[in-house]
Amino acid sequence: MNSLLDKKWLVGITGVIILSDDKQNNLFDQEEIKEDWRKDWDGMPEFEQYPKEAYHKIIVRFDSEEELQSFAKILGQDINNKTKSIWHPKLKFANHFNKRYFDKDES
């Protein structure tokens, strides 16, 4: 008997179904899965993400909470005793969660 870890799982709203290898392979044409995506990516530029490294890092030490808050006020950033690092100037994070991209045919 195979262990549960060896099974292929299909999880649905109503429960869990264990699929045999034959049934799983019949869900999609295997050649279509292997090659169909290539035509959509043909001619696409390579994606390269370069890590954003800091130009320089320093360690600043404070003798009291008042000194820490004075420094935070000068920088214009919220800093507390749990703050491990900050960027200066403060990084601005964009909200990309509300962005959607659609194919011309789908809009």
Protein backbone atom coordinates (compact mmCIF):
# COMPACT_ATOMS: atom_id res chain seq x y z
CA MET A 1 0.00 0.00 0.00
CA ASN A 2 1.35 3.43 -0.96
CA SER A 3 1.67 6.05 1.73
CA LEU A 4 -0.48 9.15 1.61
CA LEU A 5 2.56 11.20 0.64
CA ASP A 6 2.90 9.22 -2.60
CA LYS A 7 -0.64 10.04 -3.76
CA LYS A 8 -1.70 12.84 -6.11
CA TRP A 9 -4.23 15.11 -4.43
CA LEU A 10 -7.08 17.14 -5.86
CA VAL A 11 -8.57 19.41 -3.24
CA GLY A 12 -12.04 20.75 -3.88
CA ILE A 13 -14.68 22.65 -1.98
CA THR A 14 -16.38 19.42 -0.91
CA GLY A 15 -13.29 17.51 0.16
CA VAL A 16 -10.15 15.73 -0.90
CA ILE A 17 -9.98 13.28 -3.79
CA ILE A 18 -6.99 11.02 -4.35
CA LEU A 19 -6.31 10.61 -8.08
CA SER A 20 -4.45 7.74 -9.62
CA ASP A 21 -1.55 8.62 -11.92
CA ASP A 22 -3.68 7.63 -14.94
CA LYS A 23 -6.54 9.96 -13.98
CA GLN A 24 -4.20 12.82 -13.18
CA ASN A 25 -2.40 12.45 -16.51
CA ASN A 26 -5.75 12.52 -18.32
CA LEU A 27 -6.76 15.88 -16.82
CA PHE A 28 -4.69 17.69 -19.45
CA ASP A 29 -2.90 16.61 -22.58
CA GLN A 30 0.68 16.24 -21.35
CA GLU A 31 2.25 17.46 -24.61
CA GLU A 32 0.01 20.53 -24.51
CA ILE A 33 1.21 21.33 -21.00
CA LYS A 34 4.85 20.85 -21.93
CA GLU A 35 4.89 22.92 -25.11
CA ASP A 36 1.81 25.17 -25.34
CA TRP A 37 3.24 27.92 -23.12
CA ARG A 38 6.29 28.32 -25.37
CA LYS A 39 4.34 29.99 -28.20
CA ASP A 40 3.05 32.68 -25.83
CA TRP A 41 6.56 33.43 -24.54
CA ASP A 42 8.28 33.48 -27.92
CA GLY A 43 10.00 36.83 -28.39
CA MET A 44 9.40 38.00 -24.82
CA PRO A 45 12.30 39.90 -23.23
CA GLU A 46 14.22 38.25 -20.43
CA PHE A 47 13.27 39.40 -16.94
CA GLU A 48 16.11 40.39 -14.70
CA GLN A 49 15.59 41.72 -11.21
CA TYR A 50 18.60 43.31 -9.68
CA PRO A 51 18.79 43.35 -5.89
CA LYS A 52 18.57 46.80 -4.37
CA GLU A 53 21.54 47.00 -2.08
CA ALA A 54 22.24 49.87 0.25
CA TYR A 55 25.05 52.23 -0.72
CA HIS A 56 26.22 52.23 2.88
CA LYS A 57 25.04 51.02 6.30
CA ILE A 58 25.86 52.44 9.70
CA ILE A 59 25.10 51.49 13.28
CA VAL A 60 23.76 54.29 15.47
CA ARG A 61 23.45 53.75 19.22
CA PHE A 62 21.24 55.65 21.68
CA ASP A 63 21.47 55.95 25.46
CA SER A 64 17.78 56.62 25.96
CA GLU A 65 14.33 56.52 24.42
CA GLU A 66 14.33 60.32 24.29
CA GLU A 67 17.49 60.36 22.16
CA LEU A 68 16.00 57.71 19.86
CA GLN A 69 12.82 59.74 19.38
CA SER A 70 14.82 62.93 18.81
CA PHE A 71 16.73 61.17 16.03
CA ALA A 72 13.48 59.79 14.58
CA LYS A 73 12.01 63.30 14.51
CA ILE A 74 15.08 64.66 12.68
CA LEU A 75 14.75 61.92 10.06
CA GLY A 76 10.97 62.26 9.85
CA GLN A 77 10.45 58.53 10.37
CA ASP A 78 8.73 56.40 12.99
CA ILE A 79 11.40 54.50 14.94
CA ASN A 80 10.96 52.52 18.15
CA ASN A 81 13.02 50.12 20.26
CA LYS A 82 12.07 47.23 17.94
CA THR A 83 13.17 48.95 14.72
CA LYS A 84 16.08 47.01 13.22
CA SER A 85 16.75 49.15 10.15
CA ILE A 86 15.37 52.00 8.07
CA TRP A 87 16.02 53.49 4.65
CA HIS A 88 16.85 57.15 4.32
CA PRO A 89 15.09 58.79 2.71
CA LYS A 90 12.11 56.69 3.74
CA LEU A 91 11.08 54.15 1.12
CA LYS A 92 7.67 54.67 -0.40
CA PHE A 93 5.82 51.45 -1.08
CA ALA A 94 3.37 51.45 -3.94
CA ASN A 95 0.05 49.64 -3.68
CA HIS A 96 0.04 47.15 -6.55
CA PHE A 97 -2.66 44.92 -5.11
CA ASN A 98 -5.41 46.84 -6.87
CA LYS A 99 -3.79 46.56 -10.31
CA ARG A 100 -5.06 44.04 -12.84
CA TYR A 101 -3.76 43.18 -16.29
CA PHE A 102 -6.09 41.82 -18.94
CA ASP A 103 -5.73 40.48 -22.44
CA LYS A 104 -7.41 42.77 -25.00
CA ASP A 105 -10.01 40.08 -25.62
CA GLU A 106 -10.85 39.74 -21.92
CA SER A 107 -11.45 43.40 -21.01
